[in-house]
Amino acid sequence: MLMHLIVQLVDLYTFIIFIYVLLSWIPTKQGVLQNIDEVLGKLCDPYLDLFKRFIPPLGGMVDISPIIAIVVLQLVVRVLYFIF
């Protein structure tokens, strides 16, 4: 039961990361979008920064660290789910 809740929370966090990455493609954010971006940044940046330290942007422009971060997060929680 507890593990099922953890999986759901991780899935929600994955969705939040996905939305944060999509918002990063909008060049100028004003008003509500800016507020949403700031809140999502406070939620996502501590985790994403772990991967940004080790994975440089491809060609100096394309940051694949969020993809790796999501894959790692999903793999860890799924392995833990099957163990427990």
N, C-alpha and C. Protein backbone atom coordinates (compact mmCIF):
# COMPACT_ATOMS: atom_id res chain seq x y z
N MET A 1 0.82 -1.20 0.00
CA MET A 1 0.00 0.00 0.00
C MET A 1 0.87 1.26 0.00
N LEU A 2 1.85 1.32 0.89
CA LEU A 2 2.74 2.48 0.96
C LEU A 2 3.57 2.60 -0.31
N MET A 3 4.03 1.47 -0.82
CA MET A 3 4.85 1.49 -2.03
C MET A 3 4.03 1.99 -3.23
N HIS A 4 2.77 1.62 -3.27
CA HIS A 4 1.89 2.09 -4.34
C HIS A 4 1.75 3.61 -4.29
N LEU A 5 1.63 4.16 -3.10
CA LEU A 5 1.56 5.62 -2.93
C LEU A 5 2.86 6.29 -3.38
N ILE A 6 3.99 5.68 -3.05
CA ILE A 6 5.29 6.23 -3.46
C ILE A 6 5.41 6.24 -4.97
N VAL A 7 4.96 5.17 -5.62
CA VAL A 7 5.00 5.11 -7.09
C VAL A 7 4.14 6.21 -7.68
N GLN A 8 2.97 6.43 -7.12
CA GLN A 8 2.09 7.49 -7.62
C GLN A 8 2.71 8.88 -7.42
N LEU A 9 3.36 9.10 -6.29
CA LEU A 9 4.03 10.38 -6.05
C LEU A 9 5.19 10.60 -7.01
N VAL A 10 5.93 9.55 -7.28
CA VAL A 10 7.04 9.66 -8.24
C VAL A 10 6.51 9.93 -9.64
N ASP A 11 5.41 9.29 -10.00
CA ASP A 11 4.79 9.57 -11.30
C ASP A 11 4.33 11.03 -11.39
N LEU A 12 3.77 11.55 -10.31
CA LEU A 12 3.37 12.96 -10.28
C LEU A 12 4.59 13.87 -10.41
N TYR A 13 5.66 13.55 -9.70
CA TYR A 13 6.88 14.36 -9.78
C TYR A 13 7.46 14.30 -11.19
N THR A 14 7.40 13.15 -11.84
CA THR A 14 7.86 13.02 -13.22
C THR A 14 7.05 13.93 -14.13
N PHE A 15 5.74 13.98 -13.93
CA PHE A 15 4.88 14.86 -14.72
C PHE A 15 5.25 16.32 -14.47
N ILE A 16 5.54 16.67 -13.24
CA ILE A 16 5.93 18.05 -12.90
C ILE A 16 7.23 18.41 -13.61
N ILE A 17 8.20 17.50 -13.63
CA ILE A 17 9.46 17.74 -14.35
C ILE A 17 9.17 17.95 -15.83
N PHE A 18 8.30 17.12 -16.39
CA PHE A 18 7.95 17.23 -17.80
C PHE A 18 7.35 18.60 -18.12
N ILE A 19 6.44 19.07 -17.30
CA ILE A 19 5.83 20.39 -17.50
C ILE A 19 6.89 21.49 -17.37
N TYR A 20 7.79 21.35 -16.40
CA TYR A 20 8.85 22.34 -16.20
C TYR A 20 9.75 22.42 -17.44
N VAL A 21 10.07 21.27 -18.01
CA VAL A 21 10.90 21.26 -19.22
C VAL A 21 10.15 21.90 -20.39
N LEU A 22 8.88 21.59 -20.53
CA LEU A 22 8.10 22.21 -21.61
C LEU A 22 8.03 23.73 -21.44
N LEU A 23 7.87 24.19 -20.21
CA LEU A 23 7.83 25.64 -19.97
C LEU A 23 9.17 26.31 -20.29
N SER A 24 10.25 25.56 -20.22
CA SER A 24 11.56 26.15 -20.52
C SER A 24 11.69 26.51 -21.99
N TRP A 25 10.83 25.97 -22.84
CA TRP A 25 10.87 26.29 -24.27
C TRP A 25 10.18 27.61 -24.58
N ILE A 26 9.44 28.16 -23.63
CA ILE A 26 8.77 29.45 -23.85
C ILE A 26 9.78 30.55 -23.51
N PRO A 27 10.14 31.38 -24.49
CA PRO A 27 11.23 32.34 -24.27
C PRO A 27 10.94 33.41 -23.21
N THR A 28 9.79 34.04 -23.27
CA THR A 28 9.48 35.07 -22.29
C THR A 28 8.22 34.68 -21.53
N LYS A 29 8.36 34.60 -20.24
CA LYS A 29 7.24 34.24 -19.39
C LYS A 29 6.84 35.46 -18.57
N GLN A 30 5.55 35.74 -18.57
CA GLN A 30 5.05 36.88 -17.80
C GLN A 30 3.82 36.44 -17.02
N GLY A 31 3.59 37.10 -15.92
CA GLY A 31 2.38 36.87 -15.14
C GLY A 31 2.32 35.49 -14.53
N VAL A 32 1.24 34.79 -14.81
CA VAL A 32 0.99 33.48 -14.20
C VAL A 32 2.04 32.46 -14.64
N LEU A 33 2.42 32.49 -15.91
CA LEU A 33 3.43 31.54 -16.39
C LEU A 33 4.75 31.72 -15.66
N GLN A 34 5.11 32.95 -15.38
CA GLN A 34 6.35 33.21 -14.65
C GLN A 34 6.26 32.65 -13.23
N ASN A 35 5.12 32.82 -12.59
CA ASN A 35 4.92 32.29 -11.23
C ASN A 35 4.96 30.77 -11.23
N ILE A 36 4.32 30.15 -12.21
CA ILE A 36 4.33 28.69 -12.31
C ILE A 36 5.75 28.19 -12.53
N ASP A 37 6.48 28.87 -13.41
CA ASP A 37 7.86 28.48 -13.70
C ASP A 37 8.73 28.58 -12.45
N GLU A 38 8.54 29.61 -11.65
CA GLU A 38 9.34 29.77 -10.43
C GLU A 38 9.04 28.66 -9.42
N VAL A 39 7.77 28.33 -9.26
CA VAL A 39 7.39 27.27 -8.32
C VAL A 39 7.92 25.92 -8.80
N LEU A 40 7.75 25.63 -10.08
CA LEU A 40 8.25 24.36 -10.62
C LEU A 40 9.78 24.30 -10.55
N GLY A 41 10.42 25.44 -10.74
CA GLY A 41 11.87 25.49 -10.62
C GLY A 41 12.35 25.13 -9.22
N LYS A 42 11.63 25.63 -8.22
CA LYS A 42 12.00 25.30 -6.84
C LYS A 42 11.78 23.83 -6.53
N LEU A 43 10.81 23.22 -7.19
CA LEU A 43 10.54 21.79 -6.99
C LEU A 43 11.49 20.89 -7.77
N CYS A 44 11.82 21.30 -8.98
CA CYS A 44 12.56 20.43 -9.90
C CYS A 44 14.07 20.66 -9.92
N ASP A 45 14.51 21.89 -9.78
CA ASP A 45 15.93 22.20 -9.95
C ASP A 45 16.86 21.44 -8.99
N PRO A 46 16.52 21.26 -7.72
CA PRO A 46 17.45 20.50 -6.87
C PRO A 46 17.73 19.09 -7.40
N TYR A 47 16.71 18.42 -7.89
CA TYR A 47 16.92 17.07 -8.44
C TYR A 47 17.61 17.12 -9.80
N LEU A 48 17.18 18.02 -10.67
CA LEU A 48 17.76 18.10 -12.01
C LEU A 48 19.22 18.56 -11.97
N ASP A 49 19.57 19.40 -11.01
CA ASP A 49 20.95 19.88 -10.90
C ASP A 49 21.94 18.76 -10.62
N LEU A 50 21.48 17.70 -9.97
CA LEU A 50 22.35 16.53 -9.75
C LEU A 50 22.84 15.96 -11.07
N PHE A 51 21.98 15.95 -12.06
CA PHE A 51 22.33 15.39 -13.36
C PHE A 51 23.02 16.40 -14.26
N LYS A 52 22.68 17.67 -14.12
CA LYS A 52 23.30 18.70 -14.94
C LYS A 52 24.79 18.84 -14.64
N ARG A 53 25.20 18.47 -13.43
CA ARG A 53 26.62 18.53 -13.08
C ARG A 53 27.45 17.54 -13.90
N PHE A 54 26.85 16.40 -14.25
CA PHE A 54 27.60 15.33 -14.90
C PHE A 54 27.31 15.18 -16.39
N ILE A 55 26.19 15.73 -16.85
CA ILE A 55 25.80 15.57 -18.24
C ILE A 55 25.80 16.94 -18.91
N PRO A 56 26.81 17.21 -19.74
CA PRO A 56 26.85 18.51 -20.41
C PRO A 56 25.81 18.57 -21.53
N PRO A 57 25.36 19.78 -21.87
CA PRO A 57 24.42 19.92 -23.00
C PRO A 57 25.06 19.45 -24.31
N LEU A 58 24.28 18.79 -25.14
CA LEU A 58 24.78 18.34 -26.44
C LEU A 58 24.88 19.54 -27.38
N GLY A 59 26.04 19.71 -27.97
CA GLY A 59 26.24 20.82 -28.88
C GLY A 59 26.13 22.17 -28.20
N GLY A 60 26.18 22.18 -26.87
CA GLY A 60 26.08 23.42 -26.13
C GLY A 60 24.67 23.96 -26.00
N MET A 61 23.69 23.28 -26.61
CA MET A 61 22.33 23.81 -26.62
C MET A 61 21.28 22.84 -26.07
N VAL A 62 21.39 21.58 -26.38
CA VAL A 62 20.36 20.61 -26.03
C VAL A 62 20.71 19.92 -24.71
N ASP A 63 19.89 20.15 -23.71
CA ASP A 63 20.12 19.57 -22.39
C ASP A 63 19.30 18.29 -22.26
N ILE A 64 20.00 17.15 -22.20
CA ILE A 64 19.30 15.87 -22.07
C ILE A 64 19.24 15.40 -20.63
N SER A 65 19.77 16.19 -19.70
CA SER A 65 19.77 15.77 -18.31
C SER A 65 18.38 15.51 -17.74
N PRO A 66 17.33 16.28 -18.13
CA PRO A 66 15.99 15.94 -17.62
C PRO A 66 15.50 14.56 -18.06
N ILE A 67 15.87 14.16 -19.27
CA ILE A 67 15.49 12.83 -19.75
C ILE A 67 16.15 11.76 -18.90
N ILE A 68 17.45 11.91 -18.66
CA ILE A 68 18.18 10.95 -17.84
C ILE A 68 17.64 10.95 -16.42
N ALA A 69 17.33 12.12 -15.89
CA ALA A 69 16.80 12.24 -14.53
C ALA A 69 15.46 11.51 -14.39
N ILE A 70 14.60 11.66 -15.38
CA ILE A 70 13.30 10.98 -15.34
C ILE A 70 13.48 9.47 -15.45
N VAL A 71 14.35 9.02 -16.34
CA VAL A 71 14.58 7.59 -16.49
C VAL A 71 15.13 6.99 -15.20
N VAL A 72 16.09 7.66 -14.59
CA VAL A 72 16.67 7.16 -13.33
C VAL A 72 15.60 7.12 -12.24
N LEU A 73 14.82 8.17 -12.12
CA LEU A 73 13.77 8.22 -11.11
C LEU A 73 12.77 7.08 -11.29
N GLN A 74 12.34 6.87 -12.51
CA GLN A 74 11.37 5.80 -12.78
C GLN A 74 11.98 4.41 -12.55
N LEU A 75 13.22 4.22 -12.97
CA LEU A 75 13.86 2.92 -12.76
C LEU A 75 14.02 2.59 -11.28
N VAL A 76 14.47 3.57 -10.51
CA VAL A 76 14.69 3.33 -9.07
C VAL A 76 13.38 2.98 -8.38
N VAL A 77 12.33 3.73 -8.65
CA VAL A 77 11.08 3.46 -7.96
C VAL A 77 10.47 2.13 -8.41
N ARG A 78 10.64 1.77 -9.67
CA ARG A 78 10.10 0.50 -10.14
C ARG A 78 10.88 -0.68 -9.55
N VAL A 79 12.19 -0.55 -9.46
CA VAL A 79 12.99 -1.62 -8.83
C VAL A 79 12.59 -1.77 -7.37
N LEU A 80 12.46 -0.67 -6.67
CA LEU A 80 12.03 -0.73 -5.26
C LEU A 80 10.64 -1.34 -5.13
N TYR A 81 9.77 -1.04 -6.07
CA TYR A 81 8.40 -1.58 -6.05
C TYR A 81 8.42 -3.10 -6.14
N PHE A 82 9.27 -3.61 -7.05
CA PHE A 82 9.33 -5.08 -7.21
C PHE A 82 10.05 -5.77 -6.08
N ILE A 83 10.98 -5.07 -5.43
CA ILE A 83 11.68 -5.66 -4.29
C ILE A 83 10.76 -5.76 -3.08
N PHE A 84 9.98 -4.70 -2.85
CA PHE A 84 9.11 -4.70 -1.69
C PHE A 84 7.72 -5.06 -2.11
